[in-house]
């Protein structure tokens, strides 16, 4: 592979991974607040359909992205009301919502199947896009892709460098202690669950208006479940979550390349390989295998490796907070 083809491939990986970056970081924010939104797969599908439908009807991709984010936020709001107000099981509600949104996307999206529509326009950044290597990689995309790059930094900065981010972590780890310090835990959980849902909706819009243009049944092909796995793989840290999204995108791209190099191998092998490899990576990161491998490293390096590759879920994840 020559250098130009390699750069174009990497650029394509960064662009096609944007939906997973949006969805993964959105879910990481929600779970940092102590709420599990298991509806991701259906929510992304419904958002992708709704975003494309609105863009098709209005002729504006901007309206489509806004509509998709509203849909994702509304689905997340249902999760928040069911768990915070009605004290229902978040996992069960999320799973049922995922199935419901999936069927709704097929039913409501039927008039828009395989119809050409608007997309987010390509927008290279002047001067910066001409920089060798970095230009094609980071500055020759559209606004949605740029937003996914910015989101990684903004989410990291918000979580770990601001007082509001520390409060976010507090309501997910020790909600009782946060409440004792005057923080309205449930109000913040509402806000962050809705925000996370809106980002999931942006991920849906990124599929139908940027990465995989148009709408078809099961358009996002189970990537909501992959986003959930990436959150665990990334240890609920936005930078590592983004890395997981790009890793999965790279595996899919590698599958496409190998399919051309080894045409005798059935195409289904390369189509399913990224999912299997991502599952293996997830198991390695979350199992004792990582500890066994790291045991052979010097103590200082061992601590750095385990800290970089492993994270723990918020202690109050999935629990209901009550003032009584």
Protein backbone atom coordinates (compact mmCIF):
# COMPACT_ATOMS: atom_id res chain seq x y z
CA UNK A 1 0.00 0.00 0.00
CA UNK A 2 1.51 3.33 -1.06
CA UNK A 3 1.59 6.28 1.32
CA UNK A 4 -1.23 8.22 -0.36
CA UNK A 5 -3.57 5.23 -0.28
CA UNK A 6 -2.67 4.64 3.36
CA UNK A 7 -3.48 8.25 4.27
CA UNK A 8 -6.79 8.09 2.37
CA UNK A 9 -7.66 4.88 4.20
CA UNK A 10 -6.91 6.42 7.59
CA UNK A 11 -8.94 9.49 6.67
CA UNK A 12 -11.86 7.26 5.72
CA UNK A 13 -11.58 5.39 9.04
CA UNK A 14 -11.74 8.66 10.99
CA UNK A 15 -14.79 9.80 9.01
CA UNK A 16 -16.70 6.51 9.15
CA UNK A 17 -16.06 6.15 12.89
CA UNK A 18 -17.75 9.46 13.70
CA UNK A 19 -21.18 7.91 14.47
CA UNK A 20 -19.60 5.57 17.02
CA UNK A 21 -17.66 8.47 18.54
CA UNK A 22 -20.89 10.45 19.04
CA UNK A 23 -22.84 7.47 20.37
CA UNK A 24 -20.01 6.12 22.54
CA UNK A 25 -19.21 9.44 24.22
CA UNK A 26 -22.91 10.20 24.61
CA UNK A 27 -23.43 6.90 26.42
CA UNK A 28 -20.27 7.40 28.48
CA UNK A 29 -21.63 10.74 29.72
CA UNK A 30 -24.99 9.16 30.56
CA UNK A 31 -23.40 6.29 32.44
CA UNK A 32 -21.01 8.63 34.26
CA UNK A 33 -24.18 10.18 35.70
CA UNK A 34 -25.32 6.76 36.91
CA UNK A 35 -27.92 5.94 34.23
CA UNK A 36 -27.74 3.07 31.71
CA UNK A 37 -29.28 3.81 28.32
CA UNK A 38 -29.52 0.39 26.72
CA UNK A 39 -31.72 1.68 23.89
CA UNK A 40 -28.72 2.79 21.82
CA UNK A 41 -29.17 0.41 18.90
CA UNK A 42 -32.80 1.34 18.34
CA UNK A 43 -32.23 5.00 19.17
CA UNK A 44 -29.48 5.33 16.57
CA UNK A 45 -31.71 3.66 13.97
CA UNK A 46 -34.69 5.89 14.73
CA UNK A 47 -32.47 8.99 14.77
CA UNK A 48 -30.86 8.03 11.46
CA UNK A 49 -34.29 7.55 9.91
CA UNK A 50 -35.79 10.71 11.43
CA UNK A 51 -32.77 12.81 10.53
CA UNK A 52 -32.82 11.67 6.91
CA UNK A 53 -36.63 12.03 6.65
CA UNK A 54 -36.55 15.63 7.91
CA UNK A 55 -33.57 16.45 5.66
CA UNK A 56 -35.41 14.88 2.69
CA UNK A 57 -38.63 16.82 3.33
CA UNK A 58 -37.00 20.17 4.13
CA UNK A 59 -33.99 19.87 1.84
CA UNK A 60 -31.74 20.86 4.75
CA UNK A 61 -29.18 18.52 6.30
CA UNK A 62 -28.93 20.95 9.24
CA UNK A 63 -32.60 20.45 10.11
CA UNK A 64 -32.03 16.71 9.74
CA UNK A 65 -29.20 16.70 12.28
CA UNK A 66 -31.27 18.78 14.72
CA UNK A 67 -34.25 16.45 14.33
CA UNK A 68 -32.05 13.39 14.92
CA UNK A 69 -30.64 14.90 18.10
CA UNK A 70 -34.15 15.70 19.36
CA UNK A 71 -35.24 12.11 18.69
CA UNK A 72 -32.24 10.73 20.58
CA UNK A 73 -32.90 13.13 23.47
CA UNK A 74 -36.59 12.12 23.66
CA UNK A 75 -35.75 8.42 23.77
CA UNK A 76 -33.24 9.11 26.53
CA UNK A 77 -35.87 11.17 28.38
CA UNK A 78 -38.11 8.10 28.49
CA UNK A 79 -35.25 6.17 30.09
CA UNK A 80 -34.75 8.99 32.62
CA UNK A 81 -38.43 9.25 33.58
CA UNK A 82 -38.83 5.47 33.86
CA UNK A 83 -35.74 5.08 36.05
CA UNK A 84 -35.76 8.27 38.11
CA UNK A 85 -39.47 8.93 38.61
CA UNK A 86 -40.98 5.46 38.24
CA UNK A 87 -37.99 3.55 39.72
CA UNK A 88 -38.12 0.93 36.97
CA UNK A 89 -35.24 -1.29 35.91
CA UNK A 90 -33.08 0.71 33.50
CA UNK A 91 -31.76 -2.33 31.64
CA UNK A 92 -35.22 -3.76 30.96
CA UNK A 93 -36.67 -0.40 29.88
CA UNK A 94 -33.70 0.29 27.62
CA UNK A 95 -33.85 -3.12 25.97
CA UNK A 96 -37.59 -2.81 25.26
CA UNK A 97 -37.10 0.72 23.93
CA UNK A 98 -34.35 -0.51 21.63
CA UNK A 99 -36.71 -3.06 20.09
CA UNK A 100 -39.53 -0.50 19.85
CA UNK A 101 -37.35 2.13 18.17
CA UNK A 102 -36.00 -0.44 15.73
CA UNK A 103 -39.50 -1.41 14.59
CA UNK A 104 -40.62 2.23 14.50
CA UNK A 105 -37.68 3.13 12.28
CA UNK A 106 -38.71 0.47 9.77
CA UNK A 107 -42.40 1.37 9.90
CA UNK A 108 -42.09 5.16 9.80
CA UNK A 109 -39.10 5.14 7.47
CA UNK A 110 -40.70 2.95 4.79
CA UNK A 111 -41.61 5.93 2.50
CA UNK A 112 -37.97 7.07 2.50
CA UNK A 113 -36.21 3.78 1.73
CA UNK A 114 -33.43 4.17 -0.83
CA UNK A 115 -34.46 7.67 -1.84
CA UNK A 116 -31.72 10.19 -2.67
CA UNK A 117 -31.61 13.12 -0.32
CA UNK A 118 -29.36 15.86 1.02
CA UNK A 119 -26.17 15.18 2.88
CA UNK A 120 -23.79 17.18 5.03
CA UNK A 121 -21.56 18.95 2.47
CA UNK A 122 -17.84 18.33 2.25
CA UNK A 123 -16.03 21.32 3.75
CA UNK A 124 -12.22 21.29 3.62
CA UNK A 125 -10.66 23.92 5.88
CA UNK A 126 -8.63 26.40 3.78
CA UNK A 127 -4.85 26.26 4.24
CA UNK A 128 -5.07 23.55 6.94
CA UNK A 129 -6.37 20.97 4.46
CA UNK A 130 -3.22 21.49 2.37
CA UNK A 131 -0.87 20.43 5.19
CA UNK A 132 0.83 17.14 4.21
CA UNK A 133 -0.61 14.09 6.02
CA UNK A 134 -2.47 16.08 8.71
CA UNK A 135 -4.55 17.97 6.15
CA UNK A 136 -6.22 14.92 4.55
CA UNK A 137 -6.57 13.21 7.94
CA UNK A 138 -8.16 15.96 10.01
CA UNK A 139 -9.06 18.99 7.89
CA UNK A 140 -10.73 17.61 4.73
CA UNK A 141 -14.09 16.41 6.06
CA UNK A 142 -17.51 17.90 6.80
CA UNK A 143 -18.85 19.71 9.86
CA UNK A 144 -20.19 16.54 11.49
CA UNK A 145 -16.79 14.87 11.34
CA UNK A 146 -15.09 17.98 12.71
CA UNK A 147 -17.68 18.03 15.50
CA UNK A 148 -16.79 14.43 16.39
CA UNK A 149 -13.11 15.42 16.71
CA UNK A 150 -13.99 18.40 18.90
CA UNK A 151 -16.35 16.30 21.03
CA UNK A 152 -13.51 14.04 22.18
CA UNK A 153 -11.54 16.98 23.57
CA UNK A 154 -14.57 18.82 24.96
CA UNK A 155 -15.90 15.73 26.76
CA UNK A 156 -12.48 15.02 28.28
CA UNK A 157 -12.03 18.63 29.36
CA UNK A 158 -15.54 18.85 30.81
CA UNK A 159 -15.25 15.60 32.78
CA UNK A 160 -11.77 16.02 34.20
CA UNK A 161 -10.92 19.72 34.16
CA UNK A 162 -14.10 21.49 35.32
CA UNK A 163 -16.13 21.64 38.53
CA UNK A 164 -19.24 20.60 36.62
CA UNK A 165 -17.42 17.51 35.35
CA UNK A 166 -16.39 16.58 38.88
CA UNK A 167 -20.04 16.92 39.95
CA UNK A 168 -20.99 14.65 37.05
CA UNK A 169 -18.61 11.99 38.30
CA UNK A 170 -19.84 12.53 41.85
CA UNK A 171 -23.49 11.77 41.07
CA UNK A 172 -22.42 8.56 39.36
CA UNK A 173 -19.99 7.41 42.03
CA UNK A 174 -21.41 8.71 45.32
CA UNK A 175 -24.84 10.31 44.78
CA UNK A 176 -25.53 10.47 48.53
CA UNK A 177 -22.33 12.45 49.12
CA UNK A 178 -23.10 14.70 46.15
CA UNK A 179 -26.61 15.36 47.53
CA UNK A 180 -25.16 16.18 50.95
CA UNK A 181 -23.06 18.88 49.27
CA UNK A 182 -26.15 20.53 47.79
CA UNK A 183 -26.18 18.92 44.32
CA UNK A 184 -29.60 18.06 42.88
CA UNK A 185 -28.67 14.52 41.82
CA UNK A 186 -31.83 13.59 39.92
CA UNK A 187 -32.00 16.90 38.06
CA UNK A 188 -28.42 16.44 36.88
CA UNK A 189 -29.13 12.85 35.90
CA UNK A 190 -32.01 14.09 33.77
CA UNK A 191 -29.78 16.68 32.12
CA UNK A 192 -26.89 14.33 31.36
CA UNK A 193 -29.14 11.49 30.20
CA UNK A 194 -30.85 13.85 27.74
CA UNK A 195 -27.50 15.28 26.62
CA UNK A 196 -26.10 11.78 26.09
CA UNK A 197 -29.23 10.83 24.13
CA UNK A 198 -28.86 13.90 21.91
CA UNK A 199 -25.29 12.86 21.09
CA UNK A 200 -26.53 9.36 20.26
CA UNK A 201 -29.03 11.05 17.92
CA UNK A 202 -26.17 12.96 16.31
CA UNK A 203 -24.51 9.60 15.73
CA UNK A 204 -27.64 8.42 13.90
CA UNK A 205 -27.63 11.56 11.74
CA UNK A 206 -23.94 11.00 10.98
CA UNK A 207 -24.83 7.60 9.52
CA UNK A 208 -27.66 8.65 7.22
CA UNK A 209 -26.39 12.12 6.28
CA UNK A 210 -22.62 11.62 6.14
CA UNK A 211 -21.29 8.05 6.30
CA UNK A 212 -23.95 5.80 4.76
CA UNK A 213 -26.12 8.22 2.84
CA UNK A 214 -29.86 7.69 2.70
CA UNK A 215 -32.11 5.34 4.59
CA UNK A 216 -32.80 1.60 4.46
CA UNK A 217 -34.15 -0.92 6.94
CA UNK A 218 -31.61 -1.83 9.69
CA UNK A 219 -29.47 0.97 8.25
CA UNK A 220 -26.92 1.11 11.08
CA UNK A 221 -26.40 -2.68 11.27
CA UNK A 222 -26.16 -3.21 15.03
CA UNK A 223 -23.64 -0.47 15.68
CA UNK A 224 -25.56 0.67 18.75
CA UNK A 225 -24.51 -2.51 20.52
CA UNK A 226 -20.95 -1.92 19.37
CA UNK A 227 -21.12 1.59 20.87
CA UNK A 228 -22.19 0.10 24.21
CA UNK A 229 -19.28 -2.34 24.08
CA UNK A 230 -16.88 0.47 23.19
CA UNK A 231 -17.93 2.40 26.31
CA UNK A 232 -16.86 -0.58 28.43
CA UNK A 233 -13.74 -1.11 26.33
CA UNK A 234 -12.86 2.56 26.79
CA UNK A 235 -13.34 2.44 30.56
CA UNK A 236 -15.92 5.27 30.51
CA UNK A 237 -13.16 7.69 29.46
CA UNK A 238 -13.99 9.82 26.37
CA UNK A 239 -10.52 9.61 24.82
CA UNK A 240 -10.34 5.82 25.20
CA UNK A 241 -13.93 5.50 23.96
CA UNK A 242 -12.96 7.44 20.83
CA UNK A 243 -9.91 5.19 20.42
CA UNK A 244 -12.20 2.16 20.61
CA UNK A 245 -14.44 3.65 17.92
CA UNK A 246 -11.46 4.30 15.63
CA UNK A 247 -10.10 0.82 16.34
CA UNK A 248 -13.38 -0.76 15.27
CA UNK A 249 -13.46 1.45 12.17
CA UNK A 250 -9.90 0.41 11.37
CA UNK A 251 -10.78 -3.27 11.72
CA UNK A 252 -13.70 -2.84 9.32
CA UNK A 253 -11.48 -1.04 6.84
CA UNK A 254 -8.82 -3.74 7.15
CA UNK A 255 -11.49 -6.34 6.42
CA UNK A 256 -12.38 -4.56 3.19
CA UNK A 257 -8.71 -4.40 2.16
CA UNK A 258 -8.07 -8.08 2.95
CA UNK A 259 -11.17 -9.06 1.03
CA UNK A 260 -9.57 -7.65 -2.12
CA UNK A 261 -6.18 -9.20 -1.34
CA UNK A 262 -7.58 -12.69 -0.61
CA UNK A 263 -10.67 -13.03 -2.84
CA UNK A 264 -10.90 -16.79 -2.25
CA UNK A 265 -12.04 -16.24 1.35
CA UNK A 266 -15.84 -15.82 1.70
CA UNK A 267 -16.86 -12.18 2.09
CA UNK A 268 -18.87 -13.01 5.23
CA UNK A 269 -15.62 -13.77 7.07
CA UNK A 270 -14.28 -10.24 6.58
CA UNK A 271 -17.67 -8.66 7.29
CA UNK A 272 -18.01 -10.37 10.67
CA UNK A 273 -14.32 -10.38 11.69
CA UNK A 274 -14.32 -6.81 13.10
CA UNK A 275 -17.16 -7.69 15.47
CA UNK A 276 -15.39 -10.83 16.66
CA UNK A 277 -12.05 -9.05 17.08
CA UNK A 278 -13.71 -6.23 19.02
CA UNK A 279 -15.33 -8.80 21.32
CA UNK A 280 -11.96 -10.47 21.91
CA UNK A 281 -10.35 -7.10 22.69
CA UNK A 282 -13.19 -6.31 25.11
CA UNK A 283 -12.76 -9.63 26.88
CA UNK A 284 -9.00 -9.14 27.17
CA UNK A 285 -9.36 -5.68 28.65
CA UNK A 286 -12.05 -6.67 31.17
CA UNK A 287 -10.63 -10.06 32.21
CA UNK A 288 -7.70 -11.21 34.33
CA UNK A 289 -5.64 -11.79 31.17
CA UNK A 290 -4.56 -8.15 31.19
CA UNK A 291 -3.31 -8.48 34.77
CA UNK A 292 -1.35 -11.62 33.91
CA UNK A 293 0.36 -9.98 30.95
CA UNK A 294 1.04 -6.77 32.88
CA UNK A 295 2.59 -8.76 35.74
CA UNK A 296 5.72 -9.24 33.61
CA UNK A 297 6.23 -5.49 33.25
CA UNK A 298 8.12 -3.19 35.64
CA UNK A 299 5.81 -1.80 38.36
CA UNK A 300 5.70 1.75 37.03
CA UNK A 301 4.98 0.64 33.46
CA UNK A 302 2.47 -1.95 34.74
CA UNK A 303 0.48 0.74 36.56
CA UNK A 304 0.50 2.98 33.49
CA UNK A 305 -0.65 0.17 31.18
CA UNK A 306 -3.49 -1.02 33.42
CA UNK A 307 -4.63 2.56 34.03
CA UNK A 308 -4.62 3.30 30.30
CA UNK A 309 -6.45 0.12 29.27
CA UNK A 310 -8.83 -0.51 32.12
CA UNK A 311 -11.53 1.53 33.75
CA UNK A 312 -14.23 0.74 36.24
CA UNK A 313 -17.91 1.62 35.90
CA UNK A 314 -19.41 4.29 38.15
CA UNK A 315 -20.27 2.67 41.48
CA UNK A 316 -23.91 3.78 41.39
CA UNK A 317 -24.47 2.89 37.74
CA UNK A 318 -28.01 1.66 37.21
CA UNK A 319 -29.20 2.43 40.74
CA UNK A 320 -32.05 4.74 41.73
CA UNK A 321 -31.27 7.67 44.01
CA UNK A 322 -33.86 8.61 46.60
CA UNK A 323 -33.67 11.41 49.15
CA UNK A 324 -35.25 9.23 51.83
